[in-house]
Amino acid sequence: MHEHRFAIGQSVRMPNRLGTLKTDDLLFTVTGKMPARDRSPQYRIRSEEERHERVVTEDMLEAIAQQLEMADAAEQLFAPKKITLPNTN
């Protein structure tokens, strides 16, 4: 039996590819874990943009937490810092 790689509540993305044309990835939250299908764990996932849940196998998903952490680090590195000057009055 294969272990589930993603946790309930974790943000994941499902790469959206149509043939050789890559379109925007779809973002989801894991809402439940299900038994494996064809030796790949299954998940219930939901998008903020959809009213229904989907059932997908683990090989269809990618974690996005690392990408978000990298974006936060870049924002902190390049964000303008607010400088407070002393009041001279």
PDB file of N, CA and C in Angstrom:
ATOM      1  N   MET A   1       0.846  -1.187   0.000  1.00  0.00           N
ATOM      2  CA  MET A   1       0.000   0.000   0.000  1.00  0.00           C
ATOM      3  C   MET A   1       0.885   1.242   0.000  1.00  0.00           C
ATOM      4  N   HIS A   2       0.557   2.193  -0.825  1.00  0.00           N
ATOM      5  CA  HIS A   2       1.329   3.423  -0.935  1.00  0.00           C
ATOM      6  C   HIS A   2       0.816   4.465   0.060  1.00  0.00           C
ATOM      7  N   GLU A   3       1.739   5.210   0.647  1.00  0.00           N
ATOM      8  CA  GLU A   3       1.386   6.291   1.576  1.00  0.00           C
ATOM      9  C   GLU A   3       0.918   7.505   0.777  1.00  0.00           C
ATOM     10  N   HIS A   4       0.010   8.255   1.353  1.00  0.00           N
ATOM     11  CA  HIS A   4      -0.438   9.505   0.733  1.00  0.00           C
ATOM     12  C   HIS A   4       0.638  10.578   0.930  1.00  0.00           C
ATOM     13  N   ARG A   5       0.984  11.266  -0.123  1.00  0.00           N
ATOM     14  CA  ARG A   5       2.015  12.302  -0.084  1.00  0.00           C
ATOM     15  C   ARG A   5       1.458  13.652   0.374  1.00  0.00           C
ATOM     16  N   PHE A   6       0.186  13.910   0.122  1.00  0.00           N
ATOM     17  CA  PHE A   6      -0.426  15.193   0.443  1.00  0.00           C
ATOM     18  C   PHE A   6      -1.344  15.062   1.649  1.00  0.00           C
ATOM     19  N   ALA A   7      -1.436  16.124   2.438  1.00  0.00           N
ATOM     20  CA  ALA A   7      -2.259  16.138   3.648  1.00  0.00           C
ATOM     21  C   ALA A   7      -3.579  16.852   3.384  1.00  0.00           C
ATOM     22  N   ILE A   8      -4.587  16.517   4.179  1.00  0.00           N
ATOM     23  CA  ILE A   8      -5.869  17.212   4.089  1.00  0.00           C
ATOM     24  C   ILE A   8      -5.634  18.679   4.453  1.00  0.00           C
ATOM     25  N   GLY A   9      -6.174  19.574   3.641  1.00  0.00           N
ATOM     26  CA  GLY A   9      -5.986  21.008   3.843  1.00  0.00           C
ATOM     27  C   GLY A   9      -4.814  21.583   3.065  1.00  0.00           C
ATOM     28  N   GLN A  10      -3.969  20.728   2.498  1.00  0.00           N
ATOM     29  CA  GLN A  10      -2.800  21.195   1.751  1.00  0.00           C
ATOM     30  C   GLN A  10      -3.218  21.742   0.391  1.00  0.00           C
ATOM     31  N   SER A  11      -2.548  22.790  -0.050  1.00  0.00           N
ATOM     32  CA  SER A  11      -2.784  23.360  -1.378  1.00  0.00           C
ATOM     33  C   SER A  11      -1.956  22.595  -2.396  1.00  0.00           C
ATOM     34  N   VAL A  12      -2.587  22.254  -3.500  1.00  0.00           N
ATOM     35  CA  VAL A  12      -1.922  21.519  -4.576  1.00  0.00           C
ATOM     36  C   VAL A  12      -2.327  22.132  -5.909  1.00  0.00           C
ATOM     37  N   ARG A  13      -1.611  21.774  -6.936  1.00  0.00           N
ATOM     38  CA  ARG A  13      -2.006  22.211  -8.268  1.00  0.00           C
ATOM     39  C   ARG A  13      -2.101  20.997  -9.167  1.00  0.00           C
ATOM     40  N   MET A  14      -2.945  21.116 -10.146  1.00  0.00           N
ATOM     41  CA  MET A  14      -3.090  20.074 -11.147  1.00  0.00           C
ATOM     42  C   MET A  14      -2.685  20.700 -12.474  1.00  0.00           C
ATOM     43  N   PRO A  15      -1.513  20.310 -12.992  1.00  0.00           N
ATOM     44  CA  PRO A  15      -1.092  20.882 -14.268  1.00  0.00           C
ATOM     45  C   PRO A  15      -2.165  20.659 -15.323  1.00  0.00           C
ATOM     46  N   ASN A  16      -2.482  21.703 -16.060  1.00  0.00           N
ATOM     47  CA  ASN A  16      -3.529  21.665 -17.069  1.00  0.00           C
ATOM     48  C   ASN A  16      -2.864  21.688 -18.438  1.00  0.00           C
ATOM     49  N   ARG A  17      -2.842  20.541 -19.070  1.00  0.00           N
ATOM     50  CA  ARG A  17      -2.188  20.450 -20.373  1.00  0.00           C
ATOM     51  C   ARG A  17      -3.180  19.919 -21.400  1.00  0.00           C
ATOM     52  N   LEU A  18      -3.279  20.615 -22.488  1.00  0.00           N
ATOM     53  CA  LEU A  18      -4.119  20.178 -23.598  1.00  0.00           C
ATOM     54  C   LEU A  18      -3.198  19.852 -24.766  1.00  0.00           C
ATOM     55  N   GLY A  19      -2.964  18.577 -24.984  1.00  0.00           N
ATOM     56  CA  GLY A  19      -2.022  18.185 -26.028  1.00  0.00           C
ATOM     57  C   GLY A  19      -0.638  18.692 -25.679  1.00  0.00           C
ATOM     58  N   THR A  20       0.004  19.400 -26.570  1.00  0.00           N
ATOM     59  CA  THR A  20       1.323  19.962 -26.298  1.00  0.00           C
ATOM     60  C   THR A  20       1.231  21.399 -25.809  1.00  0.00           C
ATOM     61  N   LEU A  21       0.026  21.979 -25.834  1.00  0.00           N
ATOM     62  CA  LEU A  21      -0.178  23.349 -25.383  1.00  0.00           C
ATOM     63  C   LEU A  21      -0.402  23.360 -23.882  1.00  0.00           C
ATOM     64  N   LYS A  22       0.464  24.049 -23.136  1.00  0.00           N
ATOM     65  CA  LYS A  22       0.300  24.136 -21.687  1.00  0.00           C
ATOM     66  C   LYS A  22      -0.507  25.390 -21.365  1.00  0.00           C
ATOM     67  N   THR A  23      -1.564  25.191 -20.599  1.00  0.00           N
ATOM     68  CA  THR A  23      -2.387  26.314 -20.170  1.00  0.00           C
ATOM     69  C   THR A  23      -2.160  26.537 -18.686  1.00  0.00           C
ATOM     70  N   ASP A  24      -2.883  27.462 -18.078  1.00  0.00           N
ATOM     71  CA  ASP A  24      -2.727  27.748 -16.655  1.00  0.00           C
ATOM     72  C   ASP A  24      -3.040  26.518 -15.812  1.00  0.00           C
ATOM     73  N   ASP A  25      -2.250  26.328 -14.752  1.00  0.00           N
ATOM     74  CA  ASP A  25      -2.497  25.240 -13.824  1.00  0.00           C
ATOM     75  C   ASP A  25      -3.719  25.562 -12.979  1.00  0.00           C
ATOM     76  N   LEU A  26      -4.387  24.522 -12.505  1.00  0.00           N
ATOM     77  CA  LEU A  26      -5.559  24.679 -11.664  1.00  0.00           C
ATOM     78  C   LEU A  26      -5.142  24.466 -10.211  1.00  0.00           C
ATOM     79  N   LEU A  27      -5.584  25.344  -9.296  1.00  0.00           N
ATOM     80  CA  LEU A  27      -5.213  25.268  -7.888  1.00  0.00           C
ATOM     81  C   LEU A  27      -6.359  24.675  -7.072  1.00  0.00           C
ATOM     82  N   PHE A  28      -6.011  23.782  -6.137  1.00  0.00           N
ATOM     83  CA  PHE A  28      -7.001  23.066  -5.341  1.00  0.00           C
ATOM     84  C   PHE A  28      -6.529  22.928  -3.901  1.00  0.00           C
ATOM     85  N   THR A  29      -7.465  22.552  -3.018  1.00  0.00           N
ATOM     86  CA  THR A  29      -7.173  22.178  -1.641  1.00  0.00           C
ATOM     87  C   THR A  29      -7.597  20.726  -1.472  1.00  0.00           C
ATOM     88  N   VAL A  30      -6.732  19.929  -0.827  1.00  0.00           N
ATOM     89  CA  VAL A  30      -7.059  18.530  -0.566  1.00  0.00           C
ATOM     90  C   VAL A  30      -8.122  18.492   0.530  1.00  0.00           C
ATOM     91  N   THR A  31      -9.260  17.834   0.246  1.00  0.00           N
ATOM     92  CA  THR A  31     -10.347  17.749   1.217  1.00  0.00           C
ATOM     93  C   THR A  31     -10.500  16.355   1.803  1.00  0.00           C
ATOM     94  N   GLY A  32      -9.850  15.357   1.207  1.00  0.00           N
ATOM     95  CA  GLY A  32      -9.947  14.006   1.741  1.00  0.00           C
ATOM     96  C   GLY A  32      -8.978  13.052   1.063  1.00  0.00           C
ATOM     97  N   LYS A  33      -8.665  11.970   1.768  1.00  0.00           N
ATOM     98  CA  LYS A  33      -7.811  10.918   1.227  1.00  0.00           C
ATOM     99  C   LYS A  33      -8.673   9.704   0.934  1.00  0.00           C
ATOM    100  N   MET A  34      -8.340   9.001  -0.159  1.00  0.00           N
ATOM    101  CA  MET A  34      -9.101   7.823  -0.561  1.00  0.00           C
ATOM    102  C   MET A  34      -8.127   6.680  -0.844  1.00  0.00           C
ATOM    103  N   PRO A  35      -8.629   5.454  -0.912  1.00  0.00           N
ATOM    104  CA  PRO A  35      -7.758   4.312  -1.217  1.00  0.00           C
ATOM    105  C   PRO A  35      -7.089   4.462  -2.585  1.00  0.00           C
ATOM    106  N   ALA A  36      -5.983   3.761  -2.749  1.00  0.00           N
ATOM    107  CA  ALA A  36      -5.215   3.820  -3.995  1.00  0.00           C
ATOM    108  C   ALA A  36      -5.990   3.201  -5.153  1.00  0.00           C
ATOM    109  N   ARG A  37      -5.723   3.731  -6.329  1.00  0.00           N
ATOM    110  CA  ARG A  37      -6.251   3.183  -7.573  1.00  0.00           C
ATOM    111  C   ARG A  37      -5.069   2.976  -8.501  1.00  0.00           C
ATOM    112  N   ASP A  38      -4.900   1.770  -8.994  1.00  0.00           N
ATOM    113  CA  ASP A  38      -3.744   1.434  -9.842  1.00  0.00           C
ATOM    114  C   ASP A  38      -2.438   1.821  -9.143  1.00  0.00           C
ATOM    115  N   ARG A  39      -2.353   1.527  -7.858  1.00  0.00           N
ATOM    116  CA  ARG A  39      -1.181   1.762  -7.000  1.00  0.00           C
ATOM    117  C   ARG A  39      -0.839   3.245  -6.825  1.00  0.00           C
ATOM    118  N   SER A  40      -1.788   4.136  -7.089  1.00  0.00           N
ATOM    119  CA  SER A  40      -1.588   5.568  -6.861  1.00  0.00           C
ATOM    120  C   SER A  40      -2.668   6.034  -5.890  1.00  0.00           C
ATOM    121  N   PRO A  41      -2.288   6.595  -4.720  1.00  0.00           N
ATOM    122  CA  PRO A  41      -3.292   7.091  -3.773  1.00  0.00           C
ATOM    123  C   PRO A  41      -4.215   8.104  -4.439  1.00  0.00           C
ATOM    124  N   GLN A  42      -5.460   8.124  -3.995  1.00  0.00           N
ATOM    125  CA  GLN A  42      -6.439   9.057  -4.535  1.00  0.00           C
ATOM    126  C   GLN A  42      -6.792  10.117  -3.495  1.00  0.00           C
ATOM    127  N   TYR A  43      -7.245  11.260  -3.996  1.00  0.00           N
ATOM    128  CA  TYR A  43      -7.616  12.391  -3.140  1.00  0.00           C
ATOM    129  C   TYR A  43      -8.924  12.996  -3.629  1.00  0.00           C
ATOM    130  N   ARG A  44      -9.645  13.587  -2.686  1.00  0.00           N
ATOM    131  CA  ARG A  44     -10.757  14.477  -3.013  1.00  0.00           C
ATOM    132  C   ARG A  44     -10.173  15.877  -2.946  1.00  0.00           C
ATOM    133  N   ILE A  45     -10.387  16.669  -3.991  1.00  0.00           N
ATOM    134  CA  ILE A  45      -9.847  18.026  -4.038  1.00  0.00           C
ATOM    135  C   ILE A  45     -10.962  18.995  -4.419  1.00  0.00           C
ATOM    136  N   ARG A  46     -10.755  20.244  -4.024  1.00  0.00           N
ATOM    137  CA  ARG A  46     -11.768  21.276  -4.329  1.00  0.00           C
ATOM    138  C   ARG A  46     -11.067  22.586  -4.660  1.00  0.00           C
ATOM    139  N   SER A  47     -11.629  23.293  -5.625  1.00  0.00           N
ATOM    140  CA  SER A  47     -11.144  24.603  -6.027  1.00  0.00           C
ATOM    141  C   SER A  47     -12.122  25.650  -5.519  1.00  0.00           C
ATOM    142  N   GLU A  48     -11.611  26.822  -5.186  1.00  0.00           N
ATOM    143  CA  GLU A  48     -12.473  27.938  -4.775  1.00  0.00           C
ATOM    144  C   GLU A  48     -13.389  28.366  -5.918  1.00  0.00           C
ATOM    145  N   GLU A  49     -12.990  28.071  -7.140  1.00  0.00           N
ATOM    146  CA  GLU A  49     -13.732  28.517  -8.313  1.00  0.00           C
ATOM    147  C   GLU A  49     -14.826  27.549  -8.750  1.00  0.00           C
ATOM    148  N   GLU A  50     -14.871  26.359  -8.135  1.00  0.00           N
ATOM    149  CA  GLU A  50     -15.848  25.356  -8.533  1.00  0.00           C
ATOM    150  C   GLU A  50     -16.749  24.991  -7.361  1.00  0.00           C
ATOM    151  N   ARG A  51     -17.951  24.561  -7.648  1.00  0.00           N
ATOM    152  CA  ARG A  51     -18.895  24.188  -6.599  1.00  0.00           C
ATOM    153  C   ARG A  51     -18.804  22.708  -6.245  1.00  0.00           C
ATOM    154  N   HIS A  52     -18.073  21.927  -7.014  1.00  0.00           N
ATOM    155  CA  HIS A  52     -18.002  20.490  -6.789  1.00  0.00           C
ATOM    156  C   HIS A  52     -16.585  20.063  -6.419  1.00  0.00           C
ATOM    157  N   GLU A  53     -16.458  18.854  -5.888  1.00  0.00           N
ATOM    158  CA  GLU A  53     -15.147  18.270  -5.610  1.00  0.00           C
ATOM    159  C   GLU A  53     -14.772  17.335  -6.747  1.00  0.00           C
ATOM    160  N   ARG A  54     -13.493  17.082  -6.862  1.00  0.00           N
ATOM    161  CA  ARG A  54     -12.981  16.134  -7.852  1.00  0.00           C
ATOM    162  C   ARG A  54     -12.288  14.999  -7.110  1.00  0.00           C
ATOM    163  N   VAL A  55     -12.215  13.846  -7.735  1.00  0.00           N
ATOM    164  CA  VAL A  55     -11.421  12.731  -7.233  1.00  0.00           C
ATOM    165  C   VAL A  55     -10.306  12.516  -8.248  1.00  0.00           C
ATOM    166  N   VAL A  56      -9.058  12.573  -7.775  1.00  0.00           N
ATOM    167  CA  VAL A  56      -7.900  12.434  -8.656  1.00  0.00           C
ATOM    168  C   VAL A  56      -6.873  11.523  -8.010  1.00  0.00           C
ATOM    169  N   THR A  57      -5.997  10.964  -8.833  1.00  0.00           N
ATOM    170  CA  THR A  57      -4.894  10.169  -8.309  1.00  0.00           C
ATOM    171  C   THR A  57      -3.705  11.086  -8.024  1.00  0.00           C
ATOM    172  N   GLU A  58      -2.843  10.623  -7.127  1.00  0.00           N
ATOM    173  CA  GLU A  58      -1.712  11.435  -6.677  1.00  0.00           C
ATOM    174  C   GLU A  58      -0.804  11.869  -7.818  1.00  0.00           C
ATOM    175  N   ASP A  59      -0.658  11.021  -8.833  1.00  0.00           N
ATOM    176  CA  ASP A  59       0.235  11.356  -9.939  1.00  0.00           C
ATOM    177  C   ASP A  59      -0.283  12.517 -10.795  1.00  0.00           C
ATOM    178  N   MET A  60      -1.515  12.950 -10.550  1.00  0.00           N
ATOM    179  CA  MET A  60      -2.079  14.091 -11.282  1.00  0.00           C
ATOM    180  C   MET A  60      -1.825  15.419 -10.571  1.00  0.00           C
ATOM    181  N   LEU A  61      -1.245  15.373  -9.342  1.00  0.00           N
ATOM    182  CA  LEU A  61      -1.105  16.571  -8.513  1.00  0.00           C
ATOM    183  C   LEU A  61       0.354  16.924  -8.252  1.00  0.00           C
ATOM    184  N   GLU A  62       0.579  18.194  -7.960  1.00  0.00           N
ATOM    185  CA  GLU A  62       1.895  18.693  -7.538  1.00  0.00           C
ATOM    186  C   GLU A  62       1.695  19.604  -6.335  1.00  0.00           C
ATOM    187  N   ALA A  63       2.634  19.571  -5.398  1.00  0.00           N
ATOM    188  CA  ALA A  63       2.574  20.456  -4.233  1.00  0.00           C
ATOM    189  C   ALA A  63       2.895  21.878  -4.663  1.00  0.00           C
ATOM    190  N   ILE A  64       2.265  22.867  -4.024  1.00  0.00           N
ATOM    191  CA  ILE A  64       2.572  24.262  -4.355  1.00  0.00           C
ATOM    192  C   ILE A  64       3.151  25.010  -3.168  1.00  0.00           C
ATOM    193  N   ALA A  65       3.235  24.388  -2.013  1.00  0.00           N
ATOM    194  CA  ALA A  65       3.730  25.079  -0.818  1.00  0.00           C
ATOM    195  C   ALA A  65       5.129  25.618  -1.038  1.00  0.00           C
ATOM    196  N   GLN A  66       6.005  24.834  -1.639  1.00  0.00           N
ATOM    197  CA  GLN A  66       7.384  25.276  -1.849  1.00  0.00           C
ATOM    198  C   GLN A  66       7.415  26.496  -2.762  1.00  0.00           C
ATOM    199  N   GLN A  67       6.580  26.512  -3.788  1.00  0.00           N
ATOM    200  CA  GLN A  67       6.538  27.660  -4.693  1.00  0.00           C
ATOM    201  C   GLN A  67       6.042  28.900  -3.964  1.00  0.00           C
ATOM    202  N   LEU A  68       5.056  28.750  -3.085  1.00  0.00           N
ATOM    203  CA  LEU A  68       4.552  29.889  -2.326  1.00  0.00           C
ATOM    204  C   LEU A  68       5.606  30.423  -1.364  1.00  0.00           C
ATOM    205  N   GLU A  69       6.356  29.515  -0.719  1.00  0.00           N
ATOM    206  CA  GLU A  69       7.423  29.942   0.186  1.00  0.00           C
ATOM    207  C   GLU A  69       8.484  30.720  -0.586  1.00  0.00           C
ATOM    208  N   MET A  70       8.815  30.269  -1.793  1.00  0.00           N
ATOM    209  CA  MET A  70       9.805  30.966  -2.610  1.00  0.00           C
ATOM    210  C   MET A  70       9.281  32.348  -3.002  1.00  0.00           C
ATOM    211  N   ALA A  71       7.996  32.455  -3.320  1.00  0.00           N
ATOM    212  CA  ALA A  71       7.414  33.747  -3.684  1.00  0.00           C
ATOM    213  C   ALA A  71       7.430  34.690  -2.487  1.00  0.00           C
ATOM    214  N   ASP A  72       7.113  34.174  -1.291  1.00  0.00           N
ATOM    215  CA  ASP A  72       7.148  35.004  -0.080  1.00  0.00           C
ATOM    216  C   ASP A  72       8.563  35.503   0.186  1.00  0.00           C
ATOM    217  N   ALA A  73       9.557  34.638   0.012  1.00  0.00           N
ATOM    218  CA  ALA A  73      10.948  35.029   0.235  1.00  0.00           C
ATOM    219  C   ALA A  73      11.372  36.103  -0.756  1.00  0.00           C
ATOM    220  N   ALA A  74      10.972  35.946  -2.017  1.00  0.00           N
ATOM    221  CA  ALA A  74      11.312  36.942  -3.036  1.00  0.00           C
ATOM    222  C   ALA A  74      10.635  38.272  -2.731  1.00  0.00           C
ATOM    223  N   GLU A  75       9.394  38.227  -2.274  1.00  0.00           N
ATOM    224  CA  GLU A  75       8.678  39.468  -1.942  1.00  0.00           C
ATOM    225  C   GLU A  75       9.366  40.188  -0.794  1.00  0.00           C
ATOM    226  N   GLN A  76       9.800  39.446   0.214  1.00  0.00           N
ATOM    227  CA  GLN A  76      10.493  40.059   1.343  1.00  0.00           C
ATOM    228  C   GLN A  76      11.830  40.645   0.908  1.00  0.00           C
ATOM    229  N   LEU A  77      12.490  39.974  -0.028  1.00  0.00           N
ATOM    230  CA  LEU A  77      13.793  40.433  -0.494  1.00  0.00           C
ATOM    231  C   LEU A  77      13.677  41.710  -1.321  1.00  0.00           C
ATOM    232  N   PHE A  78      12.664  41.781  -2.184  1.00  0.00           N
ATOM    233  CA  PHE A  78      12.563  42.894  -3.114  1.00  0.00           C
ATOM    234  C   PHE A  78      11.518  43.943  -2.741  1.00  0.00           C
ATOM    235  N   ALA A  79      10.738  43.705  -1.706  1.00  0.00           N
ATOM    236  CA  ALA A  79       9.715  44.670  -1.307  1.00  0.00           C
ATOM    237  C   ALA A  79      10.380  45.911  -0.730  1.00  0.00           C
ATOM    238  N   PRO A  80       9.859  47.081  -1.063  1.00  0.00           N
ATOM    239  CA  PRO A  80      10.440  48.296  -0.486  1.00  0.00           C
ATOM    240  C   PRO A  80      10.213  48.323   1.023  1.00  0.00           C
ATOM    241  N   LYS A  81      11.230  48.692   1.731  1.00  0.00           N
ATOM    242  CA  LYS A  81      11.144  48.760   3.182  1.00  0.00           C
ATOM    243  C   LYS A  81      10.666  50.151   3.608  1.00  0.00           C
ATOM    244  N   LYS A  82       9.800  50.194   4.588  1.00  0.00           N
ATOM    245  CA  LYS A  82       9.285  51.452   5.093  1.00  0.00           C
ATOM    246  C   LYS A  82      10.293  52.001   6.109  1.00  0.00           C
ATOM    247  N   ILE A  83      10.738  53.190   5.868  1.00  0.00           N
ATOM    248  CA  ILE A  83      11.712  53.818   6.759  1.00  0.00           C
ATOM    249  C   ILE A  83      10.999  54.885   7.582  1.00  0.00           C
ATOM    250  N   THR A  84      11.168  54.825   8.878  1.00  0.00           N
ATOM    251  CA  THR A  84      10.564  55.798   9.782  1.00  0.00           C
ATOM    252  C   THR A  84      11.643  56.784  10.213  1.00  0.00           C
ATOM    253  N   LEU A  85      11.433  58.048   9.929  1.00  0.00           N
ATOM    254  CA  LEU A  85      12.386  59.069  10.307  1.00  0.00           C
ATOM    255  C   LEU A  85      11.974  59.631  11.682  1.00  0.00           C
ATOM    256  N   PRO A  86      12.964  59.983  12.492  1.00  0.00           N
ATOM    257  CA  PRO A  86      12.633  60.550  13.806  1.00  0.00           C
ATOM    258  C   PRO A  86      11.959  61.907  13.670  1.00  0.00           C
ATOM    259  N   ASN A  87      11.070  62.198  14.570  1.00  0.00           N
ATOM    260  CA  ASN A  87      10.346  63.469  14.564  1.00  0.00           C
ATOM    261  C   ASN A  87      11.281  64.543  15.141  1.00  0.00           C
ATOM    262  N   THR A  88      11.544  65.580  14.339  1.00  0.00           N
ATOM    263  CA  THR A  88      12.482  66.634  14.784  1.00  0.00           C
ATOM    264  C   THR A  88      11.763  67.859  15.311  1.00  0.00           C
ATOM    265  N   ASN A  89      10.479  67.805  15.501  1.00  0.00           N
ATOM    266  CA  ASN A  89       9.733  68.973  16.007  1.00  0.00           C
ATOM    267  C   ASN A  89       9.833  69.089  17.493  1.00  0.00           C
TER     268      ASN A  89
END
